[in-house]
C-alpha atoms as a PDB file:
ATOM      1  CA  MET A   1     -66.138 -25.392 -31.544  1.00  0.00           C
ATOM      2  CA  THR A   2     -69.018 -27.784 -31.322  1.00  0.00           C
ATOM      3  CA  ASP A   3     -72.307 -26.668 -29.793  1.00  0.00           C
ATOM      4  CA  LEU A   4     -73.256 -29.195 -27.139  1.00  0.00           C
ATOM      5  CA  SER A   5     -76.526 -27.509 -26.228  1.00  0.00           C
ATOM      6  CA  ARG A   6     -78.391 -30.263 -28.071  1.00  0.00           C
ATOM      7  CA  ASP A   7     -77.105 -32.762 -25.507  1.00  0.00           C
ATOM      8  CA  ASN A   8     -79.638 -33.012 -22.682  1.00  0.00           C
ATOM      9  CA  THR A   9     -77.356 -35.143 -20.485  1.00  0.00           C
ATOM     10  CA  CYS A  10     -75.490 -32.064 -19.259  1.00  0.00           C
ATOM     11  CA  ASP A  11     -75.034 -31.720 -15.473  1.00  0.00           C
ATOM     12  CA  HIS A  12     -75.844 -28.006 -15.762  1.00  0.00           C
ATOM     13  CA  PRO A  13     -78.962 -27.754 -17.956  1.00  0.00           C
ATOM     14  CA  ASN A  14     -79.065 -23.947 -17.685  1.00  0.00           C
ATOM     15  CA  ARG A  15     -75.648 -23.564 -19.301  1.00  0.00           C
ATOM     16  CA  VAL A  16     -74.701 -23.849 -22.960  1.00  0.00           C
ATOM     17  CA  GLY A  17     -71.730 -26.170 -23.461  1.00  0.00           C
ATOM     18  CA  PHE A  18     -68.998 -25.986 -26.102  1.00  0.00           C
ATOM     19  CA  SER A  19     -66.016 -28.143 -26.911  1.00  0.00           C
ATOM     20  CA  ASN A  20     -63.296 -28.345 -29.531  1.00  0.00           C
ATOM     21  CA  PHE A  21     -64.100 -30.203 -32.714  1.00  0.00           C
ATOM     22  CA  LYS A  22     -62.594 -33.671 -32.976  1.00  0.00           C
ATOM     23  CA  TRP A  23     -62.251 -35.530 -36.244  1.00  0.00           C
ATOM     24  CA  THR A  24     -64.064 -38.871 -36.123  1.00  0.00           C
ATOM     25  CA  THR A  25     -64.064 -41.681 -38.654  1.00  0.00           C
ATOM     26  CA  GLN A  26     -67.510 -40.550 -39.796  1.00  0.00           C
ATOM     27  CA  SER A  27     -66.557 -36.870 -40.162  1.00  0.00           C
ATOM     28  CA  ILE A  28     -63.396 -37.864 -42.075  1.00  0.00           C
ATOM     29  CA  GLU A  29     -65.380 -40.158 -44.360  1.00  0.00           C
ATOM     30  CA  GLU A  30     -67.839 -37.330 -45.069  1.00  0.00           C
ATOM     31  CA  TRP A  31     -65.030 -34.778 -45.556  1.00  0.00           C
ATOM     32  CA  GLU A  32     -63.183 -36.827 -48.206  1.00  0.00           C
ATOM     33  CA  PRO A  33     -65.689 -36.170 -51.051  1.00  0.00           C
ATOM     34  CA  ALA A  34     -65.840 -32.477 -50.112  1.00  0.00           C
ATOM     35  CA  TRP A  35     -62.055 -32.237 -50.323  1.00  0.00           C
ATOM     36  CA  ASN A  36     -62.045 -34.156 -53.618  1.00  0.00           C
ATOM     37  CA  ALA A  37     -64.580 -31.662 -55.008  1.00  0.00           C
ATOM     38  CA  LEU A  38     -62.375 -28.757 -53.882  1.00  0.00           C
ATOM     39  CA  TRP A  39     -59.368 -30.401 -55.534  1.00  0.00           C
ATOM     40  CA  GLN A  40     -61.352 -30.629 -58.785  1.00  0.00           C
ATOM     41  CA  CYS A  41     -61.867 -26.843 -58.518  1.00  0.00           C
ATOM     42  CA  ASN A  42     -58.065 -26.350 -58.487  1.00  0.00           C
ATOM     43  CA  ILE A  43     -57.929 -25.597 -54.775  1.00  0.00           C
ATOM     44  CA  LYS A  44     -54.786 -26.888 -53.121  1.00  0.00           C
ATOM     45  CA  TRP A  45     -53.650 -27.261 -49.536  1.00  0.00           C
ATOM     46  CA  GLU A  46     -50.479 -25.462 -48.439  1.00  0.00           C
ATOM     47  CA  TRP A  47     -48.981 -28.079 -46.108  1.00  0.00           C
ATOM     48  CA  GLN A  48     -47.250 -26.985 -42.926  1.00  0.00           C
ATOM     49  CA  ASP A  49     -45.664 -29.008 -40.142  1.00  0.00           C
ATOM     50  CA  GLY A  50     -48.335 -30.013 -37.644  1.00  0.00           C
ATOM     51  CA  ASP A  51     -51.178 -30.217 -40.183  1.00  0.00           C
ATOM     52  CA  MET A  52     -53.419 -33.236 -39.798  1.00  0.00           C
ATOM     53  CA  TYR A  53     -54.119 -35.465 -42.763  1.00  0.00           C
ATOM     54  CA  ALA A  54     -55.803 -38.755 -43.521  1.00  0.00           C
ATOM     55  CA  ARG A  55     -55.230 -41.640 -45.871  1.00  0.00           C
ATOM     56  CA  ARG A  56     -57.824 -44.253 -46.648  1.00  0.00           C
ATOM     57  CA  ARG A  57     -56.860 -47.745 -45.504  1.00  0.00           C
ATOM     58  CA  GLY A  58     -59.606 -50.052 -46.717  1.00  0.00           C
ATOM     59  CA  ASP A  59     -62.785 -49.069 -44.885  1.00  0.00           C
ATOM     60  CA  ASP A  60     -60.891 -47.022 -42.293  1.00  0.00           C
ATOM     61  CA  PHE A  61     -58.598 -44.014 -42.287  1.00  0.00           C
ATOM     62  CA  ALA A  62     -55.100 -43.573 -40.972  1.00  0.00           C
ATOM     63  CA  VAL A  63     -54.681 -40.107 -39.444  1.00  0.00           C
ATOM     64  CA  PHE A  64     -51.304 -38.404 -39.078  1.00  0.00           C
ATOM     65  CA  ARG A  65     -49.672 -35.027 -38.472  1.00  0.00           C
ATOM     66  CA  THR A  66     -47.070 -33.713 -40.858  1.00  0.00           C
ATOM     67  CA  HIS A  67     -43.534 -33.236 -39.655  1.00  0.00           C
ATOM     68  CA  GLY A  68     -41.104 -32.452 -42.441  1.00  0.00           C
ATOM     69  CA  ASP A  69     -42.813 -34.974 -44.718  1.00  0.00           C
ATOM     70  CA  ALA A  70     -45.257 -32.802 -46.659  1.00  0.00           C
ATOM     71  CA  MET A  71     -43.662 -33.831 -49.963  1.00  0.00           C
ATOM     72  CA  LYS A  72     -44.646 -37.474 -49.299  1.00  0.00           C
ATOM     73  CA  LEU A  73     -48.389 -36.915 -48.909  1.00  0.00           C
ATOM     74  CA  ASP A  74     -49.536 -38.608 -52.099  1.00  0.00           C
ATOM     75  CA  MET A  75     -53.161 -39.794 -51.812  1.00  0.00           C
ATOM     76  CA  ALA A  76     -53.589 -37.968 -48.498  1.00  0.00           C
ATOM     77  CA  PHE A  77     -56.106 -35.239 -47.821  1.00  0.00           C
ATOM     78  CA  PRO A  78     -55.990 -32.494 -45.206  1.00  0.00           C
ATOM     79  CA  LEU A  79     -58.086 -32.371 -42.055  1.00  0.00           C
ATOM     80  CA  PRO A  80     -58.311 -28.607 -41.539  1.00  0.00           C
ATOM     81  CA  GLU A  81     -59.513 -26.816 -38.448  1.00  0.00           C
ATOM     82  CA  ILE A  82     -63.157 -25.780 -38.435  1.00  0.00           C
ATOM     83  CA  HIS A  83     -62.472 -22.078 -39.002  1.00  0.00           C
ATOM     84  CA  VAL A  84     -60.482 -22.974 -42.138  1.00  0.00           C
ATOM     85  CA  ILE A  85     -63.328 -25.102 -43.503  1.00  0.00           C
ATOM     86  CA  GLN A  86     -65.779 -22.268 -42.817  1.00  0.00           C
ATOM     87  CA  GLY A  87     -63.367 -19.860 -44.526  1.00  0.00           C
ATOM     88  CA  ILE A  88     -63.204 -22.095 -47.600  1.00  0.00           C
ATOM     89  CA  ALA A  89     -67.005 -22.265 -47.701  1.00  0.00           C
ATOM     90  CA  ASN A  90     -67.226 -18.467 -47.523  1.00  0.00           C
ATOM     91  CA  TRP A  91     -64.512 -18.073 -50.168  1.00  0.00           C
ATOM     92  CA  ILE A  92     -66.397 -20.323 -52.588  1.00  0.00           C
ATOM     93  CA  LEU A  93     -69.590 -18.299 -52.055  1.00  0.00           C
ATOM     94  CA  GLY A  94     -67.808 -15.036 -52.837  1.00  0.00           C
ATOM     95  CA  ALA A  95     -65.487 -16.289 -55.576  1.00  0.00           C
ATOM     96  CA  ASN A  96     -67.999 -15.906 -58.426  1.00  0.00           C
ATOM     97  CA  LEU A  97     -67.084 -19.290 -59.843  1.00  0.00           C
ATOM     98  CA  ASN A  98     -69.532 -20.139 -62.619  1.00  0.00           C
ATOM     99  CA  ASP A  99     -68.808 -23.795 -62.489  1.00  0.00           C
ATOM    100  CA  ASN A 100     -70.900 -26.810 -61.589  1.00  0.00           C
ATOM    101  CA  GLN A 101     -67.922 -28.339 -59.759  1.00  0.00           C
ATOM    102  CA  ALA A 102     -67.576 -25.236 -57.561  1.00  0.00           C
ATOM    103  CA  SER A 103     -71.299 -25.291 -56.808  1.00  0.00           C
ATOM    104  CA  GLU A 104     -71.077 -28.959 -55.859  1.00  0.00           C
ATOM    105  CA  ALA A 105     -67.992 -28.349 -53.699  1.00  0.00           C
ATOM    106  CA  GLY A 106     -69.776 -25.515 -51.892  1.00  0.00           C
ATOM    107  CA  ARG A 107     -72.835 -27.679 -51.300  1.00  0.00           C
ATOM    108  CA  LEU A 108     -70.753 -30.569 -49.955  1.00  0.00           C
ATOM    109  CA  ILE A 109     -68.903 -28.272 -47.549  1.00  0.00           C
ATOM    110  CA  ARG A 110     -72.088 -26.582 -46.309  1.00  0.00           C
ATOM    111  CA  ASP A 111     -73.705 -29.996 -45.794  1.00  0.00           C
ATOM    112  CA  TRP A 112     -70.597 -31.214 -43.948  1.00  0.00           C
ATOM    113  CA  ILE A 113     -70.597 -28.153 -41.676  1.00  0.00           C
ATOM    114  CA  LYS A 114     -74.305 -28.516 -40.941  1.00  0.00           C
ATOM    115  CA  LYS A 115     -73.888 -32.165 -39.985  1.00  0.00           C
ATOM    116  CA  ASN A 116     -70.523 -32.092 -38.153  1.00  0.00           C
ATOM    117  CA  VAL A 117     -70.091 -28.712 -36.522  1.00  0.00           C
END
């Protein structure tokens, strides 16, 4: 969920607002290098029907959901739900990976979470 309490345009200023996270072009663009860093650490995505993914199309991204086509997802990267991204970030912290790539992947994910969630 996204904390909307920073938004002062709320009709009920005494309430804290929340909403579901929505992937935007900017959040996808910022997620791509984080996913690439995870891939370099030998982390893979277990595709399931209904998973969201993106493919770069020039300066933009095409976003899809899988439906029996997970084997055809060459050059695509997953768009996980927020709790999965947070779980990956926690896993990296506790995995005792002594690797610069893992450290960089963890940093990219933490930065992405801080900026987008």
